[in-house]
Amino acid sequence: MLFLRRQLLRTLSFAFGSSFILSRNQLGIAAQTTTQPKVSPPLAGAAVRNGIAGGTEMEKVTGIGGFFFRAKDPKALGLWYQQHLGVSVIPTSYEESPWQQEAGPTAFAPFPETSKYFGDAQKVWMLNFRVRDLDKMAAQLQAAGIEIKIYPPDPTGRFARVHDPEGNPIELWQPTKPAAPH
């Protein structure tokens, strides 16, 4: 579990534009400077991580444009996500608005096939939604009879786990607010 958290922290450090430096009991954030030192050419694979492909700036995606998956009952499951998490499904007309996300960090992390992190070994994906107020979201879900497990906070924020009606794991994440600059 510690390894998975560190892997997540490393992923988030790229999203936040800073480096997370872990010591035994604390977390320090070292902001990256805008000017990078001149170094020798990166090793294979490092060029893509650094946003450089073939010596030119690499074009990158700007965010997740959709999440598509199979469901036993797509209409009922879509309605569940809308009623309990506020996630609207694809509009059925041009007059309707699609779900709008707030800008923020997004973790993108493939896990080993043998990972126990998702719970059920048959589940191959897990959503992680950012939330503003985990306590308020938890109370809302519990009031609707939805079981939720809240985990102890870690340096990246607070996490909770729920499952949709088809048993798919959903992680809720209230990020730690960055400290104000001094």
Protein backbone atom coordinates (compact mmCIF):
# COMPACT_ATOMS: atom_id res chain seq x y z
CA MET A 1 0.00 0.00 0.00
CA LEU A 2 2.86 2.38 0.80
CA PHE A 3 4.36 1.74 -2.64
CA LEU A 4 1.01 2.56 -4.30
CA ARG A 5 0.70 5.81 -2.35
CA ARG A 6 4.25 6.80 -3.35
CA GLN A 7 3.45 5.95 -6.98
CA LEU A 8 0.35 8.14 -6.73
CA LEU A 9 2.33 10.96 -5.12
CA ARG A 10 4.90 10.80 -7.92
CA THR A 11 2.10 10.98 -10.51
CA LEU A 12 0.48 13.90 -8.71
CA SER A 13 3.77 15.75 -8.51
CA PHE A 14 3.80 15.93 -12.29
CA ALA A 15 0.19 17.18 -12.30
CA PHE A 16 0.90 19.84 -9.66
CA GLY A 17 4.11 20.96 -11.42
CA SER A 18 6.23 20.36 -8.37
CA SER A 19 8.29 17.58 -6.90
CA PHE A 20 7.06 15.76 -3.83
CA ILE A 21 9.95 14.96 -1.52
CA LEU A 22 9.09 12.37 1.12
CA SER A 23 10.96 12.09 4.37
CA ARG A 24 10.13 9.67 7.13
CA ASN A 25 7.19 11.62 8.64
CA GLN A 26 6.75 14.69 6.52
CA LEU A 27 6.19 15.89 3.00
CA GLY A 28 8.02 18.80 1.45
CA ILE A 29 7.21 20.34 -1.85
CA ALA A 30 10.05 21.78 -3.87
CA ALA A 31 8.65 23.98 -6.59
CA GLN A 32 10.28 23.53 -9.94
CA THR A 33 11.81 26.59 -11.49
CA THR A 34 10.68 27.82 -14.89
CA THR A 35 14.20 27.70 -16.29
CA GLN A 36 15.60 24.22 -16.62
CA PRO A 37 19.35 23.62 -16.58
CA LYS A 38 21.02 22.47 -19.79
CA VAL A 39 21.71 18.76 -19.60
CA SER A 40 22.82 16.02 -21.94
CA PRO A 41 20.12 14.36 -24.10
CA PRO A 42 17.62 12.36 -22.03
CA LEU A 43 17.54 8.59 -22.02
CA ALA A 44 14.91 6.76 -24.07
CA GLY A 45 11.46 7.33 -22.55
CA ALA A 46 12.58 10.37 -20.58
CA ALA A 47 11.96 12.59 -23.61
CA VAL A 48 8.27 11.77 -23.60
CA ARG A 49 7.99 12.31 -19.82
CA ASN A 50 9.63 15.72 -20.22
CA GLY A 51 7.32 16.70 -23.08
CA ILE A 52 9.96 16.54 -25.80
CA ALA A 53 9.63 14.26 -28.82
CA GLY A 54 12.20 14.20 -31.58
CA GLY A 55 13.88 17.38 -30.29
CA THR A 56 10.68 19.46 -30.51
CA GLU A 57 8.04 20.24 -27.93
CA MET A 58 5.62 17.34 -27.76
CA GLU A 59 1.90 17.99 -28.26
CA LYS A 60 0.07 16.73 -25.16
CA VAL A 61 -3.55 16.00 -24.38
CA THR A 62 -5.26 18.66 -22.28
CA GLY A 63 -7.37 16.41 -20.08
CA ILE A 64 -9.78 13.52 -20.06
CA GLY A 65 -12.54 14.09 -22.60
CA GLY A 66 -14.65 11.11 -21.65
CA PHE A 67 -14.74 7.86 -19.76
CA PHE A 68 -16.52 5.02 -21.55
CA PHE A 69 -17.22 1.59 -20.08
CA ARG A 70 -19.64 -1.31 -20.36
CA ALA A 71 -22.49 -1.70 -17.87
CA LYS A 72 -25.19 -4.30 -17.27
CA ASP A 73 -27.82 -1.54 -17.16
CA PRO A 74 -26.31 1.66 -18.66
CA LYS A 75 -29.40 3.86 -18.10
CA ALA A 76 -29.80 2.90 -14.44
CA LEU A 77 -26.07 3.22 -13.78
CA GLY A 78 -25.91 6.62 -15.51
CA LEU A 79 -28.83 7.80 -13.38
CA TRP A 80 -27.05 6.58 -10.20
CA TYR A 81 -23.92 8.60 -11.04
CA GLN A 82 -26.05 11.67 -11.76
CA GLN A 83 -28.19 11.40 -8.61
CA HIS A 84 -25.43 10.56 -6.14
CA LEU A 85 -22.24 12.12 -7.52
CA GLY A 86 -23.54 14.85 -9.83
CA VAL A 87 -21.92 13.34 -12.94
CA SER A 88 -24.15 13.83 -15.98
CA VAL A 89 -24.04 11.31 -18.81
CA ILE A 90 -23.64 12.37 -22.45
CA PRO A 91 -26.46 14.76 -23.39
CA THR A 92 -29.19 13.42 -25.64
CA SER A 93 -29.65 16.77 -27.41
CA TYR A 94 -27.66 19.89 -28.22
CA GLU A 95 -29.81 21.89 -25.77
CA GLU A 96 -28.49 19.86 -22.81
CA SER A 97 -25.09 20.56 -21.27
CA PRO A 98 -22.47 17.86 -20.65
CA TRP A 99 -20.86 17.35 -17.25
CA GLN A 100 -18.26 20.06 -16.62
CA GLN A 101 -15.24 19.34 -14.45
CA GLU A 102 -13.20 21.77 -12.44
CA ALA A 103 -9.55 22.08 -13.41
CA GLY A 104 -7.18 20.27 -11.13
CA PRO A 105 -4.69 17.46 -10.89
CA THR A 106 -5.50 14.11 -12.48
CA ALA A 107 -3.70 10.92 -11.54
CA PHE A 108 -3.16 8.51 -14.43
CA ALA A 109 -1.72 5.26 -13.16
CA PRO A 110 -1.84 1.78 -14.70
CA PHE A 111 -1.66 -0.84 -11.96
CA PRO A 112 -0.35 -4.41 -12.17
CA GLU A 113 -2.99 -7.00 -13.11
CA THR A 114 -2.49 -8.60 -9.69
CA SER A 115 -3.14 -5.37 -7.75
CA LYS A 116 -5.54 -5.69 -4.82
CA TYR A 117 -6.05 -1.91 -4.72
CA PHE A 118 -9.39 -2.03 -6.59
CA GLY A 119 -10.85 -4.64 -4.23
CA ASP A 120 -12.60 -7.18 -6.48
CA ALA A 121 -9.98 -8.89 -8.66
CA GLN A 122 -12.47 -8.96 -11.57
CA LYS A 123 -12.65 -5.15 -11.75
CA VAL A 124 -10.17 -3.68 -14.20
CA TRP A 125 -10.75 0.05 -13.66
CA MET A 126 -11.46 2.48 -10.86
CA LEU A 127 -12.60 6.08 -11.04
CA ASN A 128 -11.08 8.69 -8.76
CA PHE A 129 -13.19 11.82 -8.40
CA ARG A 130 -11.90 15.02 -6.78
CA VAL A 131 -14.32 16.49 -4.24
CA ARG A 132 -14.32 19.82 -2.38
CA ASP A 133 -15.72 18.51 0.92
CA LEU A 134 -15.31 14.80 1.59
CA ASP A 135 -17.32 14.94 4.83
CA LYS A 136 -20.29 16.55 3.09
CA MET A 137 -20.09 14.06 0.19
CA ALA A 138 -19.86 11.14 2.64
CA ALA A 139 -22.92 12.36 4.58
CA GLN A 140 -24.86 12.75 1.33
CA LEU A 141 -23.99 9.20 0.20
CA GLN A 142 -24.70 7.69 3.63
CA ALA A 143 -28.10 9.44 3.71
CA ALA A 144 -28.88 7.68 0.42
CA GLY A 145 -27.94 4.33 1.96
CA ILE A 146 -24.60 4.04 0.13
CA GLU A 147 -21.78 2.44 2.09
CA ILE A 148 -18.61 4.54 2.19
CA LYS A 149 -15.23 3.89 3.77
CA ILE A 150 -13.12 6.91 4.70
CA TYR A 151 -9.37 6.38 5.01
CA PRO A 152 -6.94 8.25 7.28
CA PRO A 153 -5.56 11.39 5.60
CA ASP A 154 -2.16 11.31 3.95
CA PRO A 155 0.02 14.17 2.63
CA THR A 156 -1.92 14.32 -0.67
CA GLY A 157 -5.31 14.68 1.00
CA ARG A 158 -8.24 12.61 2.18
CA PHE A 159 -9.64 9.53 0.43
CA ALA A 160 -12.81 7.46 0.61
CA ARG A 161 -14.07 4.42 -1.26
CA VAL A 162 -17.58 3.64 -2.50
CA HIS A 163 -18.92 1.21 -5.09
CA ASP A 164 -21.52 1.90 -7.74
CA PRO A 165 -24.54 -0.44 -8.04
CA GLU A 166 -22.56 -2.77 -10.34
CA GLY A 167 -19.72 -3.07 -7.80
CA ASN A 168 -17.24 -0.81 -9.61
CA PRO A 169 -14.87 0.89 -7.17
CA ILE A 170 -14.92 4.68 -6.93
CA GLU A 171 -12.30 6.59 -4.99
CA LEU A 172 -13.21 10.05 -3.73
CA TRP A 173 -10.32 12.42 -3.13
CA GLN A 174 -10.27 15.74 -1.32
CA PRO A 175 -6.83 17.12 -2.23
CA THR A 176 -4.74 18.84 0.40
CA LYS A 177 -4.92 22.55 -0.22
CA PRO A 178 -1.52 23.90 -1.25
CA ALA A 179 0.07 26.18 1.31
CA ALA A 180 0.04 29.88 0.55
CA PRO A 181 3.36 31.15 -0.80
CA HIS A 182 5.54 33.02 1.69
